[in-house]
Amino acid sequence: MTPLFKKWLAAAVLLMVTSVAMAQPFDLPQLAEQLSGPAVVRGDFIQEKHLRALPQPLTSHGQFALSREHGLLWLLQQPIRQDYRITPQGIARRSENGWQAVDPQGGSARQNQLFLAVLSGDTKALQRDFQLELSGAATAWRLQLTPRGALLKQIFADIEIQGGETVTQIELHETQGDRTLIRLLDSQTGVALTASEQRDLGD
C-alpha cells in the first residue's frame, strides 16, 4: 500500500464518518436540551388573532421573560397594558391588588400552559397531550403538534412551532377556524432574572 493510497483511504474514511455524523437527525431529546439550556430568555412578541368574523387580525405586542426555573412573564403593552405570569403552579394576571389567579379550566389558560411547555422545551409534557412531529435541524426546526385527546381536539386542530436556538414562532389553529400567530422577536439569552422579574415570578 503506497503512502499516497494510504492518504486517500484515510481521507475517504474521514469523509464517510463526517457524512454519517451530519446525517444524524435532529430529534426531540436534542430539541428539549437545546430549548431548556438558557437560564433566561427575553424578547419582544407580536401576536395576531385571526378571527373568521373579522377581515383584519387583532394585533397586540409586548415583551416576555422566560425563566427555566420559575416560569414565564408575558407583558402585554399594546393595545392595552396587561401582565400575565405563567408558572407550574398556575396562571395569574396582575391587577391593582397584585397577582390574581386565572381560571385554570379556561381556553386561554390552556393556551398559556402550552406556551410555557413549548418555550421551555418540555417535550415530555407536550407528548402527554399531543403527537409530535419534528423536522429540520438545530438551527432551523419545525415542530407539529396534533392533539391526542377529545378535549384538546375540541379546541385545537393543530399547533406549529418554529425556531432555532430558541422558539421564534408559534401558530395555533383552532377547531372552529380561528388562528393565533405569535412571533418572538429579538430573543436574548441570559443567566439570571432581573430583581423586578424575580419579584414578579416569586410572589
C-alpha atoms as a PDB file:
ATOM      1  CA  MET A   1       0.000   0.000   0.000  1.00  0.00           C
ATOM      2  CA  THR A   2       1.614   3.219  -1.173  1.00  0.00           C
ATOM      3  CA  PRO A   3       1.722   6.369   1.048  1.00  0.00           C
ATOM      4  CA  LEU A   4      -0.491   8.168  -1.485  1.00  0.00           C
ATOM      5  CA  PHE A   5      -3.103   5.403  -1.335  1.00  0.00           C
ATOM      6  CA  LYS A   6      -2.994   5.447   2.495  1.00  0.00           C
ATOM      7  CA  LYS A   7      -3.679   9.184   2.480  1.00  0.00           C
ATOM      8  CA  TRP A   8      -6.526   8.727   0.018  1.00  0.00           C
ATOM      9  CA  LEU A   9      -8.014   5.920   2.120  1.00  0.00           C
ATOM     10  CA  ALA A  10      -7.761   7.984   5.318  1.00  0.00           C
ATOM     11  CA  ALA A  11      -9.473  10.921   3.612  1.00  0.00           C
ATOM     12  CA  ALA A  12     -12.242   8.661   2.301  1.00  0.00           C
ATOM     13  CA  VAL A  13     -12.863   7.171   5.760  1.00  0.00           C
ATOM     14  CA  LEU A  14     -12.928  10.646   7.324  1.00  0.00           C
ATOM     15  CA  LEU A  15     -15.415  11.801   4.699  1.00  0.00           C
ATOM     16  CA  MET A  16     -17.659   8.780   5.386  1.00  0.00           C
ATOM     17  CA  VAL A  17     -17.566   9.351   9.157  1.00  0.00           C
ATOM     18  CA  THR A  18     -18.326  13.048   8.708  1.00  0.00           C
ATOM     19  CA  SER A  19     -21.216  12.287   6.352  1.00  0.00           C
ATOM     20  CA  VAL A  20     -22.742   9.809   8.799  1.00  0.00           C
ATOM     21  CA  ALA A  21     -22.439  12.331  11.644  1.00  0.00           C
ATOM     22  CA  MET A  22     -24.039  15.056   9.553  1.00  0.00           C
ATOM     23  CA  ALA A  23     -26.861  12.705   8.585  1.00  0.00           C
ATOM     24  CA  GLN A  24     -27.910  12.103  12.185  1.00  0.00           C
ATOM     25  CA  PRO A  25     -31.437  13.523  12.539  1.00  0.00           C
ATOM     26  CA  PHE A  26     -32.300  16.314  14.949  1.00  0.00           C
ATOM     27  CA  ASP A  27     -34.614  14.621  17.445  1.00  0.00           C
ATOM     28  CA  LEU A  28     -36.943  15.544  20.314  1.00  0.00           C
ATOM     29  CA  PRO A  29     -34.427  14.957  23.148  1.00  0.00           C
ATOM     30  CA  GLN A  30     -31.967  17.244  21.377  1.00  0.00           C
ATOM     31  CA  LEU A  31     -34.656  19.892  20.920  1.00  0.00           C
ATOM     32  CA  ALA A  32     -35.622  19.663  24.587  1.00  0.00           C
ATOM     33  CA  GLU A  33     -31.984  20.008  25.645  1.00  0.00           C
ATOM     34  CA  GLN A  34     -31.468  22.970  23.326  1.00  0.00           C
ATOM     35  CA  LEU A  35     -34.523  24.914  24.486  1.00  0.00           C
ATOM     36  CA  SER A  36     -34.014  24.177  28.180  1.00  0.00           C
ATOM     37  CA  GLY A  37     -30.364  25.229  28.065  1.00  0.00           C
ATOM     38  CA  PRO A  38     -30.591  29.012  28.671  1.00  0.00           C
ATOM     39  CA  ALA A  39     -31.430  30.030  32.246  1.00  0.00           C
ATOM     40  CA  VAL A  40     -33.368  33.058  30.958  1.00  0.00           C
ATOM     41  CA  VAL A  41     -34.717  34.109  27.553  1.00  0.00           C
ATOM     42  CA  ARG A  42     -36.086  37.626  26.952  1.00  0.00           C
ATOM     43  CA  GLY A  43     -37.526  39.296  23.905  1.00  0.00           C
ATOM     44  CA  ASP A  44     -40.431  41.031  22.209  1.00  0.00           C
ATOM     45  CA  PHE A  45     -43.558  39.437  20.827  1.00  0.00           C
ATOM     46  CA  ILE A  46     -46.193  40.271  18.244  1.00  0.00           C
ATOM     47  CA  GLN A  47     -49.452  38.343  18.492  1.00  0.00           C
ATOM     48  CA  GLU A  48     -52.059  38.230  15.736  1.00  0.00           C
ATOM     49  CA  LYS A  49     -55.501  36.791  16.397  1.00  0.00           C
ATOM     50  CA  HIS A  50     -57.202  35.918  13.103  1.00  0.00           C
ATOM     51  CA  LEU A  51     -60.950  35.613  13.643  1.00  0.00           C
ATOM     52  CA  ARG A  52     -63.279  34.318  10.954  1.00  0.00           C
ATOM     53  CA  ALA A  53     -65.727  37.160  11.609  1.00  0.00           C
ATOM     54  CA  LEU A  54     -63.145  39.943  11.117  1.00  0.00           C
ATOM     55  CA  PRO A  55     -61.355  40.953   7.902  1.00  0.00           C
ATOM     56  CA  GLN A  56     -58.186  42.029   9.745  1.00  0.00           C
ATOM     57  CA  PRO A  57     -56.370  40.315  12.611  1.00  0.00           C
ATOM     58  CA  LEU A  58     -56.382  41.661  16.152  1.00  0.00           C
ATOM     59  CA  THR A  59     -52.754  42.573  16.808  1.00  0.00           C
ATOM     60  CA  SER A  60     -51.005  43.035  20.139  1.00  0.00           C
ATOM     61  CA  HIS A  61     -47.393  43.267  21.184  1.00  0.00           C
ATOM     62  CA  GLY A  62     -45.207  43.393  24.256  1.00  0.00           C
ATOM     63  CA  GLN A  63     -42.263  41.745  25.993  1.00  0.00           C
ATOM     64  CA  PHE A  64     -41.659  38.367  27.577  1.00  0.00           C
ATOM     65  CA  ALA A  65     -39.176  36.874  30.035  1.00  0.00           C
ATOM     66  CA  LEU A  66     -38.836  33.113  30.379  1.00  0.00           C
ATOM     67  CA  SER A  67     -37.030  31.568  33.329  1.00  0.00           C
ATOM     68  CA  ARG A  68     -36.052  27.921  33.219  1.00  0.00           C
ATOM     69  CA  GLU A  69     -36.605  27.621  36.973  1.00  0.00           C
ATOM     70  CA  HIS A  70     -39.541  29.969  37.644  1.00  0.00           C
ATOM     71  CA  GLY A  71     -41.816  30.340  34.620  1.00  0.00           C
ATOM     72  CA  LEU A  72     -42.912  32.948  32.097  1.00  0.00           C
ATOM     73  CA  LEU A  73     -43.768  36.655  32.293  1.00  0.00           C
ATOM     74  CA  TRP A  74     -45.941  37.785  29.372  1.00  0.00           C
ATOM     75  CA  LEU A  75     -46.160  41.588  29.425  1.00  0.00           C
ATOM     76  CA  LEU A  76     -48.717  42.970  27.001  1.00  0.00           C
ATOM     77  CA  GLN A  77     -48.026  46.608  26.041  1.00  0.00           C
ATOM     78  CA  GLN A  78     -50.411  47.371  23.153  1.00  0.00           C
ATOM     79  CA  PRO A  79     -53.314  47.859  22.576  1.00  0.00           C
ATOM     80  CA  ILE A  80     -53.706  47.645  26.377  1.00  0.00           C
ATOM     81  CA  ARG A  81     -51.270  47.080  29.207  1.00  0.00           C
ATOM     82  CA  GLN A  82     -51.758  43.741  30.934  1.00  0.00           C
ATOM     83  CA  ASP A  83     -49.232  41.456  32.617  1.00  0.00           C
ATOM     84  CA  TYR A  84     -49.517  37.683  32.923  1.00  0.00           C
ATOM     85  CA  ARG A  85     -47.472  35.213  34.914  1.00  0.00           C
ATOM     86  CA  ILE A  86     -47.384  31.555  33.915  1.00  0.00           C
ATOM     87  CA  THR A  87     -45.750  29.053  36.263  1.00  0.00           C
ATOM     88  CA  PRO A  88     -46.142  25.326  37.002  1.00  0.00           C
ATOM     89  CA  GLN A  89     -48.443  26.403  39.869  1.00  0.00           C
ATOM     90  CA  GLY A  90     -50.861  28.171  37.535  1.00  0.00           C
ATOM     91  CA  ILE A  91     -51.620  31.362  35.652  1.00  0.00           C
ATOM     92  CA  ALA A  92     -52.090  34.815  37.165  1.00  0.00           C
ATOM     93  CA  ARG A  93     -52.979  38.283  35.909  1.00  0.00           C
ATOM     94  CA  ARG A  94     -51.623  41.454  37.504  1.00  0.00           C
ATOM     95  CA  SER A  95     -54.254  43.778  38.964  1.00  0.00           C
ATOM     96  CA  GLU A  96     -54.312  46.765  41.302  1.00  0.00           C
ATOM     97  CA  ASN A  97     -54.437  44.285  44.172  1.00  0.00           C
ATOM     98  CA  GLY A  98     -51.475  42.244  42.957  1.00  0.00           C
ATOM     99  CA  TRP A  99     -51.426  38.953  41.083  1.00  0.00           C
ATOM    100  CA  GLN A 100     -54.832  37.276  40.699  1.00  0.00           C
ATOM    101  CA  ALA A 101     -55.256  33.651  39.624  1.00  0.00           C
ATOM    102  CA  VAL A 102     -56.873  32.989  36.225  1.00  0.00           C
ATOM    103  CA  ASP A 103     -59.484  30.254  35.773  1.00  0.00           C
ATOM    104  CA  PRO A 104     -57.334  27.164  35.134  1.00  0.00           C
ATOM    105  CA  GLN A 105     -60.083  25.488  33.116  1.00  0.00           C
ATOM    106  CA  GLY A 106     -60.492  28.267  30.540  1.00  0.00           C
ATOM    107  CA  GLY A 107     -59.313  28.046  26.936  1.00  0.00           C
ATOM    108  CA  SER A 108     -56.867  30.928  27.372  1.00  0.00           C
ATOM    109  CA  ALA A 109     -55.367  29.269  30.428  1.00  0.00           C
ATOM    110  CA  ARG A 110     -54.826  26.104  28.417  1.00  0.00           C
ATOM    111  CA  GLN A 111     -53.042  28.032  25.673  1.00  0.00           C
ATOM    112  CA  ASN A 112     -50.811  29.786  28.185  1.00  0.00           C
ATOM    113  CA  GLN A 113     -49.786  26.499  29.803  1.00  0.00           C
ATOM    114  CA  LEU A 114     -48.905  25.242  26.333  1.00  0.00           C
ATOM    115  CA  PHE A 115     -46.725  28.305  25.743  1.00  0.00           C
ATOM    116  CA  LEU A 116     -44.779  27.540  28.889  1.00  0.00           C
ATOM    117  CA  ALA A 117     -44.220  23.923  27.872  1.00  0.00           C
ATOM    118  CA  VAL A 118     -43.217  24.913  24.332  1.00  0.00           C
ATOM    119  CA  LEU A 119     -40.889  27.769  25.245  1.00  0.00           C
ATOM    120  CA  SER A 120     -39.143  25.775  27.971  1.00  0.00           C
ATOM    121  CA  GLY A 121     -38.655  22.750  25.736  1.00  0.00           C
ATOM    122  CA  ASP A 122     -40.774  20.406  27.857  1.00  0.00           C
ATOM    123  CA  THR A 123     -41.396  17.876  25.087  1.00  0.00           C
ATOM    124  CA  LYS A 124     -42.293  15.146  27.606  1.00  0.00           C
ATOM    125  CA  ALA A 125     -45.194  17.246  28.889  1.00  0.00           C
ATOM    126  CA  LEU A 126     -46.283  18.006  25.334  1.00  0.00           C
ATOM    127  CA  GLN A 127     -46.186  14.327  24.367  1.00  0.00           C
ATOM    128  CA  ARG A 128     -48.786  13.541  27.011  1.00  0.00           C
ATOM    129  CA  ASP A 129     -51.355  15.604  25.123  1.00  0.00           C
ATOM    130  CA  PHE A 130     -50.029  15.789  21.556  1.00  0.00           C
ATOM    131  CA  GLN A 131     -48.484  13.710  18.837  1.00  0.00           C
ATOM    132  CA  LEU A 132     -45.204  15.461  17.967  1.00  0.00           C
ATOM    133  CA  GLU A 133     -43.576  15.579  14.538  1.00  0.00           C
ATOM    134  CA  LEU A 134     -40.185  17.296  14.338  1.00  0.00           C
ATOM    135  CA  SER A 135     -38.359  18.249  11.147  1.00  0.00           C
ATOM    136  CA  GLY A 136     -35.322  20.343  10.249  1.00  0.00           C
ATOM    137  CA  ALA A 137     -32.047  20.942  12.049  1.00  0.00           C
ATOM    138  CA  ALA A 138     -30.896  22.551  15.292  1.00  0.00           C
ATOM    139  CA  THR A 139     -30.542  25.927  13.589  1.00  0.00           C
ATOM    140  CA  ALA A 140     -33.938  25.841  11.846  1.00  0.00           C
ATOM    141  CA  TRP A 141     -36.567  23.361  13.027  1.00  0.00           C
ATOM    142  CA  ARG A 142     -40.321  22.901  12.867  1.00  0.00           C
ATOM    143  CA  LEU A 143     -42.459  21.038  15.400  1.00  0.00           C
ATOM    144  CA  GLN A 144     -46.015  19.995  14.555  1.00  0.00           C
ATOM    145  CA  LEU A 145     -48.378  19.225  17.465  1.00  0.00           C
ATOM    146  CA  THR A 146     -51.547  17.218  16.817  1.00  0.00           C
ATOM    147  CA  PRO A 147     -53.960  16.793  19.766  1.00  0.00           C
ATOM    148  CA  ARG A 148     -54.461  13.294  21.149  1.00  0.00           C
ATOM    149  CA  GLY A 149     -57.438  13.623  23.489  1.00  0.00           C
ATOM    150  CA  ALA A 150     -61.025  14.530  22.728  1.00  0.00           C
ATOM    151  CA  LEU A 151     -60.964  17.653  24.911  1.00  0.00           C
ATOM    152  CA  LEU A 152     -57.984  19.229  23.168  1.00  0.00           C
ATOM    153  CA  LYS A 153     -59.364  18.246  19.786  1.00  0.00           C
ATOM    154  CA  GLN A 154     -62.384  20.417  20.597  1.00  0.00           C
ATOM    155  CA  ILE A 155     -60.039  23.422  20.965  1.00  0.00           C
ATOM    156  CA  PHE A 156     -57.119  22.899  18.578  1.00  0.00           C
ATOM    157  CA  ALA A 157     -56.814  21.429  15.097  1.00  0.00           C
ATOM    158  CA  ASP A 158     -53.026  21.584  15.354  1.00  0.00           C
ATOM    159  CA  ILE A 159     -50.169  23.758  16.588  1.00  0.00           C
ATOM    160  CA  GLU A 160     -46.981  24.576  14.709  1.00  0.00           C
ATOM    161  CA  ILE A 161     -43.805  25.830  16.395  1.00  0.00           C
ATOM    162  CA  GLN A 162     -40.685  27.047  14.600  1.00  0.00           C
ATOM    163  CA  GLY A 163     -37.306  28.114  15.894  1.00  0.00           C
ATOM    164  CA  GLY A 164     -33.566  27.740  16.108  1.00  0.00           C
ATOM    165  CA  GLU A 165     -31.620  28.284  19.308  1.00  0.00           C
ATOM    166  CA  THR A 166     -34.916  29.482  20.814  1.00  0.00           C
ATOM    167  CA  VAL A 167     -38.547  29.431  19.699  1.00  0.00           C
ATOM    168  CA  THR A 168     -39.276  32.105  17.086  1.00  0.00           C
ATOM    169  CA  GLN A 169     -42.893  31.451  16.108  1.00  0.00           C
ATOM    170  CA  ILE A 170     -45.992  29.693  17.432  1.00  0.00           C
ATOM    171  CA  GLU A 171     -49.125  29.230  15.345  1.00  0.00           C
ATOM    172  CA  LEU A 172     -52.297  27.788  16.852  1.00  0.00           C
ATOM    173  CA  HIS A 173     -55.082  26.595  14.573  1.00  0.00           C
ATOM    174  CA  GLU A 174     -58.362  26.315  16.451  1.00  0.00           C
ATOM    175  CA  THR A 175     -61.039  23.825  15.554  1.00  0.00           C
ATOM    176  CA  GLN A 176     -63.669  26.454  14.720  1.00  0.00           C
ATOM    177  CA  GLY A 177     -61.371  28.127  12.175  1.00  0.00           C
ATOM    178  CA  ASP A 178     -59.719  30.930  14.166  1.00  0.00           C
ATOM    179  CA  ARG A 179     -55.942  31.180  14.187  1.00  0.00           C
ATOM    180  CA  THR A 180     -53.374  32.771  16.517  1.00  0.00           C
ATOM    181  CA  LEU A 181     -49.880  33.639  15.291  1.00  0.00           C
ATOM    182  CA  ILE A 182     -47.203  34.633  17.810  1.00  0.00           C
ATOM    183  CA  ARG A 183     -43.795  35.825  16.651  1.00  0.00           C
ATOM    184  CA  LEU A 184     -40.999  36.069  19.204  1.00  0.00           C
ATOM    185  CA  LEU A 185     -38.506  38.718  18.157  1.00  0.00           C
ATOM    186  CA  ASP A 186     -35.004  39.740  19.199  1.00  0.00           C
ATOM    187  CA  SER A 187     -34.731  36.960  21.772  1.00  0.00           C
ATOM    188  CA  GLN A 188     -31.686  37.200  24.028  1.00  0.00           C
ATOM    189  CA  THR A 189     -30.471  34.555  26.454  1.00  0.00           C
ATOM    190  CA  GLY A 190     -29.210  35.386  29.946  1.00  0.00           C
ATOM    191  CA  VAL A 191     -28.011  33.770  33.134  1.00  0.00           C
ATOM    192  CA  ALA A 192     -30.334  35.369  35.701  1.00  0.00           C
ATOM    193  CA  LEU A 193     -33.604  37.252  36.165  1.00  0.00           C
ATOM    194  CA  THR A 194     -33.612  40.936  36.999  1.00  0.00           C
ATOM    195  CA  ALA A 195     -34.702  41.891  40.521  1.00  0.00           C
ATOM    196  CA  SER A 196     -38.092  43.013  39.192  1.00  0.00           C
ATOM    197  CA  GLU A 197     -38.627  39.781  37.215  1.00  0.00           C
ATOM    198  CA  GLN A 198     -37.640  37.719  40.232  1.00  0.00           C
ATOM    199  CA  ARG A 199     -40.199  39.543  42.415  1.00  0.00           C
ATOM    200  CA  ASP A 200     -42.945  39.024  39.849  1.00  0.00           C
ATOM    201  CA  LEU A 201     -42.246  35.344  39.385  1.00  0.00           C
ATOM    202  CA  GLY A 202     -41.638  34.734  43.060  1.00  0.00           C
ATOM    203  CA  ASP A 203     -44.749  36.417  44.518  1.00  0.00           C
END
